[in-house]
Protein backbone atom coordinates (compact mmCIF):
# COMPACT_ATOMS: atom_id res chain seq x y z
CA MET A 1 -37.85 -28.27 29.53
CA PRO A 2 -41.13 -30.12 28.94
CA GLN A 3 -43.48 -30.62 31.86
CA LEU A 4 -45.91 -33.39 32.72
CA SER A 5 -48.96 -33.11 34.95
CA LEU A 6 -50.05 -36.08 37.01
CA TYR A 7 -53.36 -36.53 38.76
CA VAL A 8 -52.99 -38.54 41.95
CA THR A 9 -55.07 -39.03 45.05
CA GLN A 10 -54.04 -37.49 48.35
CA GLU A 11 -53.11 -40.97 49.58
CA GLN A 12 -50.92 -41.62 46.52
CA LEU A 13 -49.24 -38.23 46.90
CA LEU A 14 -48.39 -38.96 50.52
CA LYS A 15 -46.79 -42.28 49.55
CA ILE A 16 -44.82 -40.62 46.73
CA GLU A 17 -43.64 -37.84 49.04
CA ASN A 18 -42.53 -40.36 51.67
CA GLU A 19 -40.58 -42.42 49.14
CA ALA A 20 -38.93 -39.36 47.59
CA HIS A 21 -38.01 -38.02 51.02
CA ALA A 22 -36.56 -41.40 52.06
CA GLU A 23 -34.33 -41.36 48.97
CA LYS A 24 -33.45 -37.67 49.52
CA MET A 25 -34.85 -36.69 46.12
CA SER A 26 -37.28 -34.06 44.92
CA LEU A 27 -40.72 -35.33 43.92
CA SER A 28 -40.01 -34.60 40.27
CA LYS A 29 -36.65 -36.43 40.24
CA TRP A 30 -38.09 -39.38 42.13
CA VAL A 31 -41.06 -39.76 39.75
CA VAL A 32 -38.80 -39.44 36.69
CA SER A 33 -36.39 -42.05 38.11
CA LYS A 34 -39.26 -44.51 38.65
CA ILE A 35 -40.63 -43.94 35.15
CA MET A 36 -37.19 -44.40 33.59
CA GLU A 37 -36.60 -47.60 35.58
CA ARG A 38 -39.77 -48.96 34.03
CA ILE A 39 -38.96 -47.75 30.51
CA GLU A 40 -35.26 -48.65 30.58
CA PRO A 41 -34.93 -51.55 33.01
CA HIS A 42 -31.46 -52.56 34.12
CA TYR A 43 -29.96 -55.37 36.12
CA PRO A 44 -29.40 -54.76 39.84
CA GLU A 45 -25.96 -53.74 41.00
CA GLY A 46 -23.68 -56.74 41.44
CA TRP A 47 -25.69 -59.13 39.28
CA ALA A 48 -22.64 -59.97 37.13
CA ASP A 49 -20.77 -61.11 40.25
CA LEU A 50 -23.18 -64.04 40.50
CA PHE A 51 -21.81 -65.61 37.30
CA GLY A 52 -20.27 -68.97 38.18
CA SER A 53 -21.30 -68.76 41.82
CA VAL A 54 -23.47 -71.89 41.84
CA SER A 55 -21.64 -74.58 43.81
CA ASP A 56 -24.27 -77.32 43.47
CA SER A 57 -22.57 -80.44 42.07
CA SER A 58 -25.75 -81.43 40.21
CA PHE A 59 -25.62 -78.17 38.26
CA THR A 60 -23.53 -79.28 35.29
CA ARG A 61 -23.41 -78.53 31.61
CA PRO A 62 -25.23 -81.17 29.56
CA GLU A 63 -23.40 -83.15 26.90
CA GLN A 64 -23.06 -81.08 23.74
CA LEU A 65 -24.30 -82.30 20.38
CA LYS A 66 -21.86 -82.73 17.50
CA TYR A 67 -22.60 -80.46 14.59
CA GLU A 68 -22.73 -81.84 11.07
CA LYS A 69 -20.86 -80.01 8.37
CA ARG A 70 -23.49 -78.99 5.83
CA GLU A 71 -23.13 -78.53 2.14
CA ALA A 72 -22.95 -74.89 1.05
CA PHE A 73 -25.69 -73.47 -1.18
């Protein structure tokens, strides 16, 4: 498996260790997870449940334009 070396300050390492420990992950897994979140972003859990949840009466679909049938090439 390939390896990657990172140069961080003592202060940065302490922050990384604290975050990894809080999420019950090894340093390596935690760093990889953060890199992958940045490279392959995804929507937060439950975001699809918000679809249609706006109950504001002023939030309406605008009138739709009528399309013209165009002549084929």
